């Protein structure tokens, strides 16, 4: 990964040393440098271990580098997590993870994986911009929260609403977004 994209700050050095390359530390932080500023997510593996592990794997692999925040719905969520390259997206599409039990509520600033149904989480994430308690009963298990820069997340470009089509982002990558939705904020 290039300097300035993402970095992990492990809260417990011992847990980092004892975990496998695919298992997240019990707690860690990830910094996202975006075109609108910086925000930091603190992950708690005990909240949703499968989700935390997947996020850890994706960050370590550089998956979110140059990703666009393609769904921004003020008062609801900010969503991202489709790779800029359709070939990379395709590699992850069939790697669904099972659902975690919901232990933490979908409160303002909490981060969960998006899903298309039971046991179908892959790479897409969202930050709650409101207390979305209704998402708890739908199985959206928060695995972390924004501890710095929630104001940055709230300022991400929302002018396109839900118009970007996820299937076209997956099949065409950032080329589709740049051509049709050039004002989207991105991970730098």
C-alpha atoms as a PDB file:
ATOM      1  CA  UNK A   1       0.000   0.000   0.000  1.00  0.00           C
ATOM      2  CA  UNK A   2       1.167   3.500  -0.717  1.00  0.00           C
ATOM      3  CA  UNK A   3       2.038   5.787   2.161  1.00  0.00           C
ATOM      4  CA  UNK A   4      -0.882   7.963   3.130  1.00  0.00           C
ATOM      5  CA  UNK A   5      -3.584   5.560   1.994  1.00  0.00           C
ATOM      6  CA  UNK A   6      -4.286   3.405   5.019  1.00  0.00           C
ATOM      7  CA  UNK A   7      -2.452   2.347   8.078  1.00  0.00           C
ATOM      8  CA  UNK A   8      -3.285   0.161  10.991  1.00  0.00           C
ATOM      9  CA  UNK A   9      -2.594   1.165  14.549  1.00  0.00           C
ATOM     10  CA  UNK A  10      -2.878  -1.887  16.745  1.00  0.00           C
ATOM     11  CA  UNK A  11      -4.089  -1.189  20.249  1.00  0.00           C
ATOM     12  CA  UNK A  12      -2.645  -4.381  21.713  1.00  0.00           C
ATOM     13  CA  UNK A  13       0.790  -5.335  20.406  1.00  0.00           C
ATOM     14  CA  UNK A  14       0.502  -8.803  21.898  1.00  0.00           C
ATOM     15  CA  UNK A  15      -2.697  -9.494  19.993  1.00  0.00           C
ATOM     16  CA  UNK A  16      -1.018  -8.430  16.758  1.00  0.00           C
ATOM     17  CA  UNK A  17       1.862 -10.815  17.347  1.00  0.00           C
ATOM     18  CA  UNK A  18      -0.421 -13.718  18.186  1.00  0.00           C
ATOM     19  CA  UNK A  19      -2.944 -13.366  15.373  1.00  0.00           C
ATOM     20  CA  UNK A  20      -2.739 -15.002  11.961  1.00  0.00           C
ATOM     21  CA  UNK A  21      -2.446 -12.888   8.855  1.00  0.00           C
ATOM     22  CA  UNK A  22      -6.235 -13.054   8.366  1.00  0.00           C
ATOM     23  CA  UNK A  23      -7.318 -12.552  11.959  1.00  0.00           C
ATOM     24  CA  UNK A  24      -7.706  -9.003  13.156  1.00  0.00           C
ATOM     25  CA  UNK A  25      -6.215  -7.784  16.427  1.00  0.00           C
ATOM     26  CA  UNK A  26      -8.734  -7.456  19.233  1.00  0.00           C
ATOM     27  CA  UNK A  27      -8.769  -3.703  18.624  1.00  0.00           C
ATOM     28  CA  UNK A  28      -7.168  -1.570  15.931  1.00  0.00           C
ATOM     29  CA  UNK A  29      -7.584   1.724  14.106  1.00  0.00           C
ATOM     30  CA  UNK A  30      -7.604   2.494  10.403  1.00  0.00           C
ATOM     31  CA  UNK A  31      -7.091   5.974   9.015  1.00  0.00           C
ATOM     32  CA  UNK A  32      -8.842   6.943   5.779  1.00  0.00           C
ATOM     33  CA  UNK A  33      -7.356   9.933   3.940  1.00  0.00           C
ATOM     34  CA  UNK A  34     -10.155  11.162   1.684  1.00  0.00           C
ATOM     35  CA  UNK A  35     -10.605  13.960  -0.803  1.00  0.00           C
ATOM     36  CA  UNK A  36     -12.600  15.766   1.921  1.00  0.00           C
ATOM     37  CA  UNK A  37     -10.344  15.110   4.904  1.00  0.00           C
ATOM     38  CA  UNK A  38      -9.380  12.361   7.327  1.00  0.00           C
ATOM     39  CA  UNK A  39     -11.466   9.998   9.394  1.00  0.00           C
ATOM     40  CA  UNK A  40     -10.418   7.140  11.666  1.00  0.00           C
ATOM     41  CA  UNK A  41     -12.309   3.921  12.345  1.00  0.00           C
ATOM     42  CA  UNK A  42     -11.653   2.039  15.562  1.00  0.00           C
ATOM     43  CA  UNK A  43     -12.465  -1.661  15.171  1.00  0.00           C
ATOM     44  CA  UNK A  44     -13.505  -3.931  18.045  1.00  0.00           C
ATOM     45  CA  UNK A  45     -13.187  -7.570  17.067  1.00  0.00           C
ATOM     46  CA  UNK A  46     -15.399  -8.701  19.956  1.00  0.00           C
ATOM     47  CA  UNK A  47     -18.343  -6.759  18.475  1.00  0.00           C
ATOM     48  CA  UNK A  48     -18.340  -8.720  15.193  1.00  0.00           C
ATOM     49  CA  UNK A  49     -15.301 -10.994  14.728  1.00  0.00           C
ATOM     50  CA  UNK A  50     -16.028 -12.098  11.155  1.00  0.00           C
ATOM     51  CA  UNK A  51     -16.671  -8.527  10.036  1.00  0.00           C
ATOM     52  CA  UNK A  52     -13.572  -7.230  11.824  1.00  0.00           C
ATOM     53  CA  UNK A  53     -11.428  -9.946  10.246  1.00  0.00           C
ATOM     54  CA  UNK A  54     -12.766  -9.199   6.754  1.00  0.00           C
ATOM     55  CA  UNK A  55     -12.187  -5.456   7.168  1.00  0.00           C
ATOM     56  CA  UNK A  56      -8.653  -6.142   8.408  1.00  0.00           C
ATOM     57  CA  UNK A  57      -7.925  -8.350   5.369  1.00  0.00           C
ATOM     58  CA  UNK A  58      -9.303  -5.766   2.943  1.00  0.00           C
ATOM     59  CA  UNK A  59      -7.367  -2.880   4.468  1.00  0.00           C
ATOM     60  CA  UNK A  60      -4.124  -4.888   4.536  1.00  0.00           C
ATOM     61  CA  UNK A  61      -4.580  -5.786   0.852  1.00  0.00           C
ATOM     62  CA  UNK A  62      -5.160  -2.144  -0.193  1.00  0.00           C
ATOM     63  CA  UNK A  63      -8.660  -2.977  -1.420  1.00  0.00           C
ATOM     64  CA  UNK A  64     -10.105   0.426  -0.499  1.00  0.00           C
ATOM     65  CA  UNK A  65      -7.350   2.481  -2.191  1.00  0.00           C
ATOM     66  CA  UNK A  66      -9.047   5.029  -4.490  1.00  0.00           C
ATOM     67  CA  UNK A  67     -12.524   3.700  -3.636  1.00  0.00           C
ATOM     68  CA  UNK A  68     -15.415   6.124  -4.117  1.00  0.00           C
ATOM     69  CA  UNK A  69     -18.091   6.894  -1.538  1.00  0.00           C
ATOM     70  CA  UNK A  70     -20.849   6.055  -4.008  1.00  0.00           C
ATOM     71  CA  UNK A  71     -23.936   6.121  -1.793  1.00  0.00           C
ATOM     72  CA  UNK A  72     -24.324   9.123   0.473  1.00  0.00           C
ATOM     73  CA  UNK A  73     -27.769   9.582   1.995  1.00  0.00           C
ATOM     74  CA  UNK A  74     -27.775  12.456   4.533  1.00  0.00           C
ATOM     75  CA  UNK A  75     -29.428  11.451   7.785  1.00  0.00           C
ATOM     76  CA  UNK A  76     -28.947   7.754   6.965  1.00  0.00           C
ATOM     77  CA  UNK A  77     -25.620   6.288   5.714  1.00  0.00           C
ATOM     78  CA  UNK A  78     -22.418   6.766   3.717  1.00  0.00           C
ATOM     79  CA  UNK A  79     -21.512   3.625   1.757  1.00  0.00           C
ATOM     80  CA  UNK A  80     -18.366   2.531  -0.085  1.00  0.00           C
ATOM     81  CA  UNK A  81     -16.349  -0.605  -0.694  1.00  0.00           C
ATOM     82  CA  UNK A  82     -16.254  -1.489  -4.374  1.00  0.00           C
ATOM     83  CA  UNK A  83     -12.719  -1.644  -5.733  1.00  0.00           C
ATOM     84  CA  UNK A  84     -11.612   0.695  -8.521  1.00  0.00           C
ATOM     85  CA  UNK A  85     -10.689  -2.342 -10.653  1.00  0.00           C
ATOM     86  CA  UNK A  86     -13.517  -4.694 -11.732  1.00  0.00           C
ATOM     87  CA  UNK A  87     -11.126  -7.667 -11.742  1.00  0.00           C
ATOM     88  CA  UNK A  88     -10.251  -7.129  -8.070  1.00  0.00           C
ATOM     89  CA  UNK A  89     -13.935  -6.711  -7.209  1.00  0.00           C
ATOM     90  CA  UNK A  90     -14.701 -10.001  -8.986  1.00  0.00           C
ATOM     91  CA  UNK A  91     -12.070 -11.822  -6.913  1.00  0.00           C
ATOM     92  CA  UNK A  92     -13.869 -10.866  -3.713  1.00  0.00           C
ATOM     93  CA  UNK A  93     -17.477 -11.222  -4.952  1.00  0.00           C
ATOM     94  CA  UNK A  94     -17.671 -14.937  -4.165  1.00  0.00           C
ATOM     95  CA  UNK A  95     -15.984 -14.661  -0.773  1.00  0.00           C
ATOM     96  CA  UNK A  96     -19.048 -14.000   1.350  1.00  0.00           C
ATOM     97  CA  UNK A  97     -18.754 -14.173   5.095  1.00  0.00           C
ATOM     98  CA  UNK A  98     -21.350 -15.443   7.520  1.00  0.00           C
ATOM     99  CA  UNK A  99     -23.339 -13.005   9.578  1.00  0.00           C
ATOM    100  CA  UNK A 100     -22.127 -11.951  13.005  1.00  0.00           C
ATOM    101  CA  UNK A 101     -24.693 -11.601  15.788  1.00  0.00           C
ATOM    102  CA  UNK A 102     -25.600  -7.961  16.354  1.00  0.00           C
ATOM    103  CA  UNK A 103     -23.953  -6.938  19.638  1.00  0.00           C
ATOM    104  CA  UNK A 104     -23.653  -3.183  19.076  1.00  0.00           C
ATOM    105  CA  UNK A 105     -26.388  -0.935  17.729  1.00  0.00           C
ATOM    106  CA  UNK A 106     -26.160   0.963  14.449  1.00  0.00           C
ATOM    107  CA  UNK A 107     -25.668   4.320  16.127  1.00  0.00           C
ATOM    108  CA  UNK A 108     -24.296   7.521  14.605  1.00  0.00           C
ATOM    109  CA  UNK A 109     -20.711   6.883  13.529  1.00  0.00           C
ATOM    110  CA  UNK A 110     -20.856   3.095  13.832  1.00  0.00           C
ATOM    111  CA  UNK A 111     -19.572   1.059  10.889  1.00  0.00           C
ATOM    112  CA  UNK A 112     -21.169  -2.109   9.492  1.00  0.00           C
ATOM    113  CA  UNK A 113     -20.885  -4.214   6.364  1.00  0.00           C
ATOM    114  CA  UNK A 114     -23.611  -3.852   3.759  1.00  0.00           C
ATOM    115  CA  UNK A 115     -25.236  -7.079   2.661  1.00  0.00           C
ATOM    116  CA  UNK A 116     -27.628  -8.376   0.033  1.00  0.00           C
ATOM    117  CA  UNK A 117     -29.116 -10.987   2.368  1.00  0.00           C
ATOM    118  CA  UNK A 118     -28.215 -13.530   5.025  1.00  0.00           C
ATOM    119  CA  UNK A 119     -24.545 -14.570   5.088  1.00  0.00           C
ATOM    120  CA  UNK A 120     -23.734 -12.432   2.039  1.00  0.00           C
ATOM    121  CA  UNK A 121     -21.317  -9.758   3.320  1.00  0.00           C
ATOM    122  CA  UNK A 122     -18.306  -9.155   1.071  1.00  0.00           C
ATOM    123  CA  UNK A 123     -16.541  -5.767   0.848  1.00  0.00           C
ATOM    124  CA  UNK A 124     -19.044  -2.917   1.086  1.00  0.00           C
ATOM    125  CA  UNK A 125     -19.269  -0.848   4.264  1.00  0.00           C
ATOM    126  CA  UNK A 126     -21.373   1.956   5.598  1.00  0.00           C
ATOM    127  CA  UNK A 127     -21.097   4.538   8.343  1.00  0.00           C
ATOM    128  CA  UNK A 128     -24.359   5.379  10.061  1.00  0.00           C
ATOM    129  CA  UNK A 129     -25.188   9.081   9.898  1.00  0.00           C
ATOM    130  CA  UNK A 130     -28.146   8.604  12.256  1.00  0.00           C
ATOM    131  CA  UNK A 131     -29.201   6.185  14.964  1.00  0.00           C
ATOM    132  CA  UNK A 132     -30.455   3.481  12.601  1.00  0.00           C
ATOM    133  CA  UNK A 133     -31.853   1.113  15.206  1.00  0.00           C
ATOM    134  CA  UNK A 134     -34.049  -0.595  12.596  1.00  0.00           C
ATOM    135  CA  UNK A 135     -30.881  -2.020  10.989  1.00  0.00           C
ATOM    136  CA  UNK A 136     -30.116  -4.049  14.125  1.00  0.00           C
ATOM    137  CA  UNK A 137     -33.073  -6.407  13.616  1.00  0.00           C
ATOM    138  CA  UNK A 138     -32.066  -6.762   9.947  1.00  0.00           C
ATOM    139  CA  UNK A 139     -28.720  -8.289  10.965  1.00  0.00           C
ATOM    140  CA  UNK A 140     -26.321  -5.400  10.301  1.00  0.00           C
ATOM    141  CA  UNK A 141     -23.589  -6.019  12.875  1.00  0.00           C
ATOM    142  CA  UNK A 142     -21.428  -3.004  13.681  1.00  0.00           C
ATOM    143  CA  UNK A 143     -17.741  -3.903  13.983  1.00  0.00           C
ATOM    144  CA  UNK A 144     -16.310  -0.443  14.623  1.00  0.00           C
ATOM    145  CA  UNK A 145     -16.983   3.247  14.933  1.00  0.00           C
ATOM    146  CA  UNK A 146     -15.600   6.492  13.616  1.00  0.00           C
ATOM    147  CA  UNK A 147     -13.595   7.981  16.477  1.00  0.00           C
ATOM    148  CA  UNK A 148     -12.192  10.948  14.545  1.00  0.00           C
ATOM    149  CA  UNK A 149     -13.532  12.876  11.570  1.00  0.00           C
ATOM    150  CA  UNK A 150     -17.234  12.059  11.700  1.00  0.00           C
ATOM    151  CA  UNK A 151     -17.737  15.609  10.430  1.00  0.00           C
ATOM    152  CA  UNK A 152     -15.639  14.641   7.378  1.00  0.00           C
ATOM    153  CA  UNK A 153     -17.855  11.617   6.726  1.00  0.00           C
ATOM    154  CA  UNK A 154     -20.950  13.808   7.011  1.00  0.00           C
ATOM    155  CA  UNK A 155     -19.499  16.248   4.420  1.00  0.00           C
ATOM    156  CA  UNK A 156     -18.857  13.636   1.708  1.00  0.00           C
ATOM    157  CA  UNK A 157     -20.538  14.581  -1.560  1.00  0.00           C
ATOM    158  CA  UNK A 158     -24.228  13.659  -1.429  1.00  0.00           C
ATOM    159  CA  UNK A 159     -25.436  15.260  -4.674  1.00  0.00           C
ATOM    160  CA  UNK A 160     -25.933  11.949  -6.485  1.00  0.00           C
ATOM    161  CA  UNK A 161     -27.888  10.248  -3.701  1.00  0.00           C
ATOM    162  CA  UNK A 162     -28.444   6.616  -4.626  1.00  0.00           C
ATOM    163  CA  UNK A 163     -28.114   7.048  -8.412  1.00  0.00           C
ATOM    164  CA  UNK A 164     -24.743   5.291  -8.927  1.00  0.00           C
ATOM    165  CA  UNK A 165     -25.600   1.705  -9.882  1.00  0.00           C
ATOM    166  CA  UNK A 166     -23.632  -0.862  -7.919  1.00  0.00           C
ATOM    167  CA  UNK A 167     -23.672  -3.449 -10.716  1.00  0.00           C
ATOM    168  CA  UNK A 168     -22.069  -0.916 -13.077  1.00  0.00           C
ATOM    169  CA  UNK A 169     -19.484   0.091 -10.487  1.00  0.00           C
ATOM    170  CA  UNK A 170     -18.622  -3.585 -10.057  1.00  0.00           C
ATOM    171  CA  UNK A 171     -18.379  -4.239 -13.801  1.00  0.00           C
ATOM    172  CA  UNK A 172     -16.685  -0.976 -14.869  1.00  0.00           C
ATOM    173  CA  UNK A 173     -14.942   0.256 -11.730  1.00  0.00           C
ATOM    174  CA  UNK A 174     -13.940   3.870 -11.268  1.00  0.00           C
ATOM    175  CA  UNK A 175     -14.173   4.516 -15.022  1.00  0.00           C
ATOM    176  CA  UNK A 176     -17.986   4.381 -14.723  1.00  0.00           C
ATOM    177  CA  UNK A 177     -17.984   6.633 -11.663  1.00  0.00           C
ATOM    178  CA  UNK A 178     -15.539   9.169 -13.076  1.00  0.00           C
ATOM    179  CA  UNK A 179     -17.525   9.487 -16.304  1.00  0.00           C
ATOM    180  CA  UNK A 180     -20.977   9.709 -14.720  1.00  0.00           C
ATOM    181  CA  UNK A 181     -20.423  10.879 -11.138  1.00  0.00           C
ATOM    182  CA  UNK A 182     -17.186  12.916 -11.128  1.00  0.00           C
ATOM    183  CA  UNK A 183     -17.893  14.753  -7.874  1.00  0.00           C
ATOM    184  CA  UNK A 184     -17.879  11.677  -5.640  1.00  0.00           C
ATOM    185  CA  UNK A 185     -15.449  11.847  -2.744  1.00  0.00           C
ATOM    186  CA  UNK A 186     -12.772   9.161  -2.687  1.00  0.00           C
ATOM    187  CA  UNK A 187     -10.163   7.519  -0.548  1.00  0.00           C
ATOM    188  CA  UNK A 188      -6.832   9.090  -1.433  1.00  0.00           C
END
